[in-house]
PDB file of N, CA and C in Angstrom:
ATOM      1  N   MET A   1       0.883  -1.197   0.017  1.00  0.00           N
ATOM      2  CA  MET A   1      -0.004   0.019  -0.029  1.00  0.00           C
ATOM      3  C   MET A   1       0.883   1.166  -0.008  1.00  0.00           C
ATOM      4  N   HIS A   2       0.494   2.258  -0.644  1.00  0.00           N
ATOM      5  CA  HIS A   2       1.133   3.541  -0.704  1.00  0.00           C
ATOM      6  C   HIS A   2       0.482   4.519   0.229  1.00  0.00           C
ATOM      7  N   VAL A   3       1.175   5.057   1.227  1.00  0.00           N
ATOM      8  CA  VAL A   3       0.631   6.030   2.152  1.00  0.00           C
ATOM      9  C   VAL A   3       1.050   7.430   1.878  1.00  0.00           C
ATOM     10  N   TYR A   4       0.174   8.337   1.958  1.00  0.00           N
ATOM     11  CA  TYR A   4       0.404   9.782   1.635  1.00  0.00           C
ATOM     12  C   TYR A   4       0.221  10.703   2.848  1.00  0.00           C
ATOM     13  N   ARG A   5       1.143  11.619   3.011  1.00  0.00           N
ATOM     14  CA  ARG A   5       1.012  12.627   4.051  1.00  0.00           C
ATOM     15  C   ARG A   5       1.289  14.013   3.457  1.00  0.00           C
ATOM     16  N   PHE A   6       0.666  15.047   4.066  1.00  0.00           N
ATOM     17  CA  PHE A   6       0.839  16.403   3.669  1.00  0.00           C
ATOM     18  C   PHE A   6       1.393  17.177   4.907  1.00  0.00           C
ATOM     19  N   LEU A   7       2.647  17.467   4.907  1.00  0.00           N
ATOM     20  CA  LEU A   7       3.228  18.198   6.026  1.00  0.00           C
ATOM     21  C   LEU A   7       3.152  19.664   5.763  1.00  0.00           C
ATOM     22  N   SER A   8       2.757  20.480   6.802  1.00  0.00           N
ATOM     23  CA  SER A   8       2.707  21.876   6.677  1.00  0.00           C
ATOM     24  C   SER A   8       3.111  22.566   7.990  1.00  0.00           C
ATOM     25  N   GLY A   9       3.433  23.818   7.871  1.00  0.00           N
ATOM     26  CA  GLY A   9       3.751  24.614   9.024  1.00  0.00           C
ATOM     27  C   GLY A   9       4.392  25.952   8.689  1.00  0.00           C
ATOM     28  N   ASP A  10       4.806  26.682   9.718  1.00  0.00           N
ATOM     29  CA  ASP A  10       5.429  27.940   9.438  1.00  0.00           C
ATOM     30  C   ASP A  10       6.733  27.712   8.668  1.00  0.00           C
ATOM     31  N   ASP A  11       7.142  28.633   7.903  1.00  0.00           N
ATOM     32  CA  ASP A  11       8.388  28.595   7.160  1.00  0.00           C
ATOM     33  C   ASP A  11       9.536  28.867   8.068  1.00  0.00           C
ATOM     34  N   ASP A  12       9.935  27.884   8.860  1.00  0.00           N
ATOM     35  CA  ASP A  12      11.062  28.094   9.811  1.00  0.00           C
ATOM     36  C   ASP A  12      11.809  26.680   9.954  1.00  0.00           C
ATOM     37  N   SER A  13      12.791  26.654  10.822  1.00  0.00           N
ATOM     38  CA  SER A  13      13.605  25.457  10.951  1.00  0.00           C
ATOM     39  C   SER A  13      12.784  24.268  11.454  1.00  0.00           C
ATOM     40  N   SER A  14      11.731  24.506  12.233  1.00  0.00           N
ATOM     41  CA  SER A  14      10.954  23.381  12.755  1.00  0.00           C
ATOM     42  C   SER A  14      10.192  22.644  11.647  1.00  0.00           C
ATOM     43  N   PHE A  15       9.839  23.385  10.585  1.00  0.00           N
ATOM     44  CA  PHE A  15       9.247  22.695   9.448  1.00  0.00           C
ATOM     45  C   PHE A  15      10.302  21.799   8.732  1.00  0.00           C
ATOM     46  N   CYS A  16      11.481  22.344   8.546  1.00  0.00           N
ATOM     47  CA  CYS A  16      12.606  21.617   7.883  1.00  0.00           C
ATOM     48  C   CYS A  16      12.894  20.342   8.744  1.00  0.00           C
ATOM     49  N   HIS A  17      12.860  20.440  10.102  1.00  0.00           N
ATOM     50  CA  HIS A  17      13.082  19.294  10.919  1.00  0.00           C
ATOM     51  C   HIS A  17      11.937  18.294  10.763  1.00  0.00           C
ATOM     52  N   LYS A  18      10.683  18.707  10.629  1.00  0.00           N
ATOM     53  CA  LYS A  18       9.596  17.811  10.443  1.00  0.00           C
ATOM     54  C   LYS A  18       9.736  17.031   9.152  1.00  0.00           C
ATOM     55  N   VAL A  19      10.136  17.684   8.062  1.00  0.00           N
ATOM     56  CA  VAL A  19      10.366  17.053   6.775  1.00  0.00           C
ATOM     57  C   VAL A  19      11.596  16.093   6.868  1.00  0.00           C
ATOM     58  N   THR A  20      12.661  16.473   7.500  1.00  0.00           N
ATOM     59  CA  THR A  20      13.850  15.689   7.649  1.00  0.00           C
ATOM     60  C   THR A  20      13.548  14.463   8.474  1.00  0.00           C
ATOM     61  N   LYS A  21      12.751  14.566   9.530  1.00  0.00           N
ATOM     62  CA  LYS A  21      12.338  13.368  10.319  1.00  0.00           C
ATOM     63  C   LYS A  21      11.576  12.430   9.449  1.00  0.00           C
ATOM     64  N   ALA A  22      10.601  12.903   8.663  1.00  0.00           N
ATOM     65  CA  ALA A  22       9.866  11.939   7.827  1.00  0.00           C
ATOM     66  C   ALA A  22      10.765  11.302   6.822  1.00  0.00           C
ATOM     67  N   LEU A  23      11.744  11.987   6.301  1.00  0.00           N
ATOM     68  CA  LEU A  23      12.595  11.317   5.340  1.00  0.00           C
ATOM     69  C   LEU A  23      13.510  10.248   6.045  1.00  0.00           C
ATOM     70  N   SER A  24      13.874  10.554   7.241  1.00  0.00           N
ATOM     71  CA  SER A  24      14.732   9.541   7.991  1.00  0.00           C
ATOM     72  C   SER A  24      13.923   8.315   8.374  1.00  0.00           C
ATOM     73  N   GLU A  25      12.573   8.465   8.331  1.00  0.00           N
ATOM     74  CA  GLU A  25      11.669   7.331   8.669  1.00  0.00           C
ATOM     75  C   GLU A  25      11.229   6.581   7.408  1.00  0.00           C
ATOM     76  N   GLY A  26      11.799   6.895   6.229  1.00  0.00           N
ATOM     77  CA  GLY A  26      11.508   6.141   5.030  1.00  0.00           C
ATOM     78  C   GLY A  26      10.500   6.799   4.132  1.00  0.00           C
ATOM     79  N   TRP A  27       9.994   8.029   4.485  1.00  0.00           N
ATOM     80  CA  TRP A  27       9.072   8.688   3.630  1.00  0.00           C
ATOM     81  C   TRP A  27       9.867   9.398   2.478  1.00  0.00           C
ATOM     82  N   VAL A  28       9.240   9.614   1.342  1.00  0.00           N
ATOM     83  CA  VAL A  28       9.855  10.114   0.108  1.00  0.00           C
ATOM     84  C   VAL A  28       9.175  11.403  -0.282  1.00  0.00           C
ATOM     85  N   LEU A  29       9.947  12.429  -0.731  1.00  0.00           N
ATOM     86  CA  LEU A  29       9.297  13.643  -1.132  1.00  0.00           C
ATOM     87  C   LEU A  29       8.407  13.349  -2.311  1.00  0.00           C
ATOM     88  N   TYR A  30       7.232  13.981  -2.388  1.00  0.00           N
ATOM     89  CA  TYR A  30       6.274  13.855  -3.463  1.00  0.00           C
ATOM     90  C   TYR A  30       5.891  15.268  -3.970  1.00  0.00           C
ATOM     91  N   GLY A  31       6.359  15.612  -5.198  1.00  0.00           N
ATOM     92  CA  GLY A  31       6.018  16.932  -5.652  1.00  0.00           C
ATOM     93  C   GLY A  31       6.952  17.979  -5.148  1.00  0.00           C
ATOM     94  N   GLN A  32       6.556  19.224  -5.511  1.00  0.00           N
ATOM     95  CA  GLN A  32       7.330  20.331  -5.012  1.00  0.00           C
ATOM     96  C   GLN A  32       6.867  20.965  -3.769  1.00  0.00           C
ATOM     97  N   PRO A  33       7.678  21.548  -2.978  1.00  0.00           N
ATOM     98  CA  PRO A  33       7.248  22.288  -1.787  1.00  0.00           C
ATOM     99  C   PRO A  33       6.366  23.459  -2.206  1.00  0.00           C
ATOM    100  N   GLN A  34       5.387  23.770  -1.308  1.00  0.00           N
ATOM    101  CA  GLN A  34       4.499  24.892  -1.547  1.00  0.00           C
ATOM    102  C   GLN A  34       4.683  25.991  -0.465  1.00  0.00           C
ATOM    103  N   TYR A  35       4.537  27.245  -0.917  1.00  0.00           N
ATOM    104  CA  TYR A  35       4.563  28.317   0.024  1.00  0.00           C
ATOM    105  C   TYR A  35       3.453  29.276  -0.192  1.00  0.00           C
ATOM    106  N   VAL A  36       2.953  29.833   0.883  1.00  0.00           N
ATOM    107  CA  VAL A  36       1.822  30.793   0.836  1.00  0.00           C
ATOM    108  C   VAL A  36       2.065  31.849   1.966  1.00  0.00           C
ATOM    109  N   PHE A  37       1.637  33.065   1.699  1.00  0.00           N
ATOM    110  CA  PHE A  37       1.647  34.078   2.670  1.00  0.00           C
ATOM    111  C   PHE A  37       0.335  34.042   3.414  1.00  0.00           C
ATOM    112  N   ASP A  38       0.410  33.919   4.779  1.00  0.00           N
ATOM    113  CA  ASP A  38      -0.724  33.905   5.609  1.00  0.00           C
ATOM    114  C   ASP A  38      -0.939  35.342   6.102  1.00  0.00           C
ATOM    115  N   ALA A  39      -1.860  36.085   5.452  1.00  0.00           N
ATOM    116  CA  ALA A  39      -1.999  37.478   5.772  1.00  0.00           C
ATOM    117  C   ALA A  39      -2.462  37.755   7.200  1.00  0.00           C
ATOM    118  N   ALA A  40      -3.301  36.879   7.677  1.00  0.00           N
ATOM    119  CA  ALA A  40      -3.875  37.027   8.987  1.00  0.00           C
ATOM    120  C   ALA A  40      -2.777  36.935  10.072  1.00  0.00           C
ATOM    121  N   ALA A  41      -1.826  35.976   9.816  1.00  0.00           N
ATOM    122  CA  ALA A  41      -0.731  35.831  10.805  1.00  0.00           C
ATOM    123  C   ALA A  41       0.487  36.651  10.443  1.00  0.00           C
ATOM    124  N   GLY A  42       0.529  37.182   9.198  1.00  0.00           N
ATOM    125  CA  GLY A  42       1.648  37.939   8.758  1.00  0.00           C
ATOM    126  C   GLY A  42       2.934  37.213   8.614  1.00  0.00           C
ATOM    127  N   LYS A  43       2.810  35.836   8.155  1.00  0.00           N
ATOM    128  CA  LYS A  43       4.040  35.097   7.921  1.00  0.00           C
ATOM    129  C   LYS A  43       3.838  34.120   6.824  1.00  0.00           C
ATOM    130  N   MET A  44       4.972  33.559   6.366  1.00  0.00           N
ATOM    131  CA  MET A  44       4.971  32.584   5.318  1.00  0.00           C
ATOM    132  C   MET A  44       4.618  31.173   5.866  1.00  0.00           C
ATOM    133  N   ARG A  45       3.878  30.415   5.189  1.00  0.00           N
ATOM    134  CA  ARG A  45       3.577  28.987   5.573  1.00  0.00           C
ATOM    135  C   ARG A  45       4.139  28.119   4.433  1.00  0.00           C
ATOM    136  N   CYS A  46       4.577  26.924   4.753  1.00  0.00           N
ATOM    137  CA  CYS A  46       5.071  26.000   3.691  1.00  0.00           C
ATOM    138  C   CYS A  46       4.472  24.651   3.919  1.00  0.00           C
ATOM    139  N   ALA A  47       4.532  23.806   2.875  1.00  0.00           N
ATOM    140  CA  ALA A  47       4.017  22.469   2.853  1.00  0.00           C
ATOM    141  C   ALA A  47       4.763  21.543   1.932  1.00  0.00           C
ATOM    142  N   GLN A  48       4.818  20.275   2.258  1.00  0.00           N
ATOM    143  CA  GLN A  48       5.518  19.376   1.453  1.00  0.00           C
ATOM    144  C   GLN A  48       4.770  18.006   1.572  1.00  0.00           C
ATOM    145  N   ALA A  49       4.428  17.436   0.405  1.00  0.00           N
ATOM    146  CA  ALA A  49       3.811  16.085   0.471  1.00  0.00           C
ATOM    147  C   ALA A  49       4.911  15.036   0.532  1.00  0.00           C
ATOM    148  N   VAL A  50       4.668  13.932   1.206  1.00  0.00           N
ATOM    149  CA  VAL A  50       5.588  12.802   1.261  1.00  0.00           C
ATOM    150  C   VAL A  50       4.747  11.495   1.158  1.00  0.00           C
ATOM    151  N   THR A  51       5.385  10.440   0.617  1.00  0.00           N
ATOM    152  CA  THR A  51       4.694   9.153   0.467  1.00  0.00           C
ATOM    153  C   THR A  51       5.623   8.106   0.999  1.00  0.00           C
ATOM    154  N   LYS A  52       5.063   6.958   1.295  1.00  0.00           N
ATOM    155  CA  LYS A  52       5.809   5.793   1.744  1.00  0.00           C
ATOM    156  C   LYS A  52       5.092   4.549   1.286  1.00  0.00           C
ATOM    157  N   GLU A  53       5.859   3.569   0.774  1.00  0.00           N
ATOM    158  CA  GLU A  53       5.410   2.242   0.435  1.00  0.00           C
ATOM    159  C   GLU A  53       5.452   1.430   1.653  1.00  0.00           C
ATOM    160  N   VAL A  54       4.267   0.765   2.074  1.00  0.00           N
ATOM    161  CA  VAL A  54       4.251  -0.015   3.332  1.00  0.00           C
ATOM    162  C   VAL A  54       3.857  -1.467   2.943  1.00  0.00           C
ATOM    163  N   GLU A  55       4.073  -2.315   3.886  1.00  0.00           N
ATOM    164  CA  GLU A  55       3.658  -3.699   3.691  1.00  0.00           C
ATOM    165  C   GLU A  55       2.149  -3.760   3.377  1.00  0.00           C
ATOM    166  N   ASP A  56       1.754  -4.823   2.684  1.00  0.00           N
ATOM    167  CA  ASP A  56       0.332  -5.021   2.329  1.00  0.00           C
ATOM    168  C   ASP A  56      -0.411  -5.183   3.677  1.00  0.00           C
ATOM    169  N   GLN A  57      -1.267  -4.300   3.884  1.00  0.00           N
ATOM    170  CA  GLN A  57      -2.133  -4.291   5.080  1.00  0.00           C
ATOM    171  C   GLN A  57      -3.396  -3.449   4.797  1.00  0.00           C
ATOM    172  N   PRO A  58      -4.474  -3.737   5.544  1.00  0.00           N
ATOM    173  CA  PRO A  58      -5.687  -3.006   5.210  1.00  0.00           C
ATOM    174  C   PRO A  58      -5.504  -1.536   5.668  1.00  0.00           C
ATOM    175  N   TYR A  59      -6.165  -0.633   5.014  1.00  0.00           N
ATOM    176  CA  TYR A  59      -6.200   0.805   5.387  1.00  0.00           C
ATOM    177  C   TYR A  59      -7.124   0.948   6.566  1.00  0.00           C
ATOM    178  N   ASP A  60      -6.689   1.679   7.559  1.00  0.00           N
ATOM    179  CA  ASP A  60      -7.513   1.891   8.743  1.00  0.00           C
ATOM    180  C   ASP A  60      -7.479   3.448   8.912  1.00  0.00           C
ATOM    181  N   PRO A  61      -8.670   4.121   8.725  1.00  0.00           N
ATOM    182  CA  PRO A  61      -8.652   5.613   8.865  1.00  0.00           C
ATOM    183  C   PRO A  61      -8.424   6.107  10.284  1.00  0.00           C
ATOM    184  N   ASP A  62      -8.521   5.125  11.269  1.00  0.00           N
ATOM    185  CA  ASP A  62      -8.290   5.550  12.657  1.00  0.00           C
ATOM    186  C   ASP A  62      -6.792   5.397  13.084  1.00  0.00           C
ATOM    187  N   LYS A  63      -6.038   4.813  12.201  1.00  0.00           N
ATOM    188  CA  LYS A  63      -4.614   4.647  12.473  1.00  0.00           C
ATOM    189  C   LYS A  63      -3.816   5.838  12.053  1.00  0.00           C
ATOM    190  N   LYS A  64      -2.911   6.225  12.832  1.00  0.00           N
ATOM    191  CA  LYS A  64      -1.999   7.308  12.469  1.00  0.00           C
ATOM    192  C   LYS A  64      -1.163   6.901  11.296  1.00  0.00           C
ATOM    193  N   LEU A  65      -0.994   7.839  10.297  1.00  0.00           N
ATOM    194  CA  LEU A  65      -0.132   7.448   9.165  1.00  0.00           C
ATOM    195  C   LEU A  65       1.285   7.136   9.473  1.00  0.00           C
ATOM    196  N   THR A  66       1.796   7.776  10.558  1.00  0.00           N
ATOM    197  CA  THR A  66       3.144   7.489  11.004  1.00  0.00           C
ATOM    198  C   THR A  66       3.254   6.051  11.580  1.00  0.00           C
ATOM    199  N   GLU A  67       2.167   5.402  11.905  1.00  0.00           N
ATOM    200  CA  GLU A  67       2.211   4.004  12.407  1.00  0.00           C
ATOM    201  C   GLU A  67       2.306   2.928  11.333  1.00  0.00           C
ATOM    202  N   TYR A  68       2.149   3.309  10.076  1.00  0.00           N
ATOM    203  CA  TYR A  68       2.269   2.300   9.032  1.00  0.00           C
ATOM    204  C   TYR A  68       3.726   2.077   8.780  1.00  0.00           C
ATOM    205  N   GLU A  69       4.088   0.746   8.701  1.00  0.00           N
ATOM    206  CA  GLU A  69       5.519   0.346   8.439  1.00  0.00           C
ATOM    207  C   GLU A  69       5.540  -0.538   7.252  1.00  0.00           C
TER     208      GLU A  69
END
């Protein structure tokens, strides 16, 4: 099964750490990073999709995506 996650956050080092952690756990970048200005907060936000191929197992919407191995 192929699992998809969309990571997002403020455009700062904590977002970079979030993406780096996902990559270290076997997730792979999917597509280009996205940036948008949040006018209400007055700051940039960014996002990156990641995917991971996991063992054949049934999809469970109540299971955290990070728990798939």
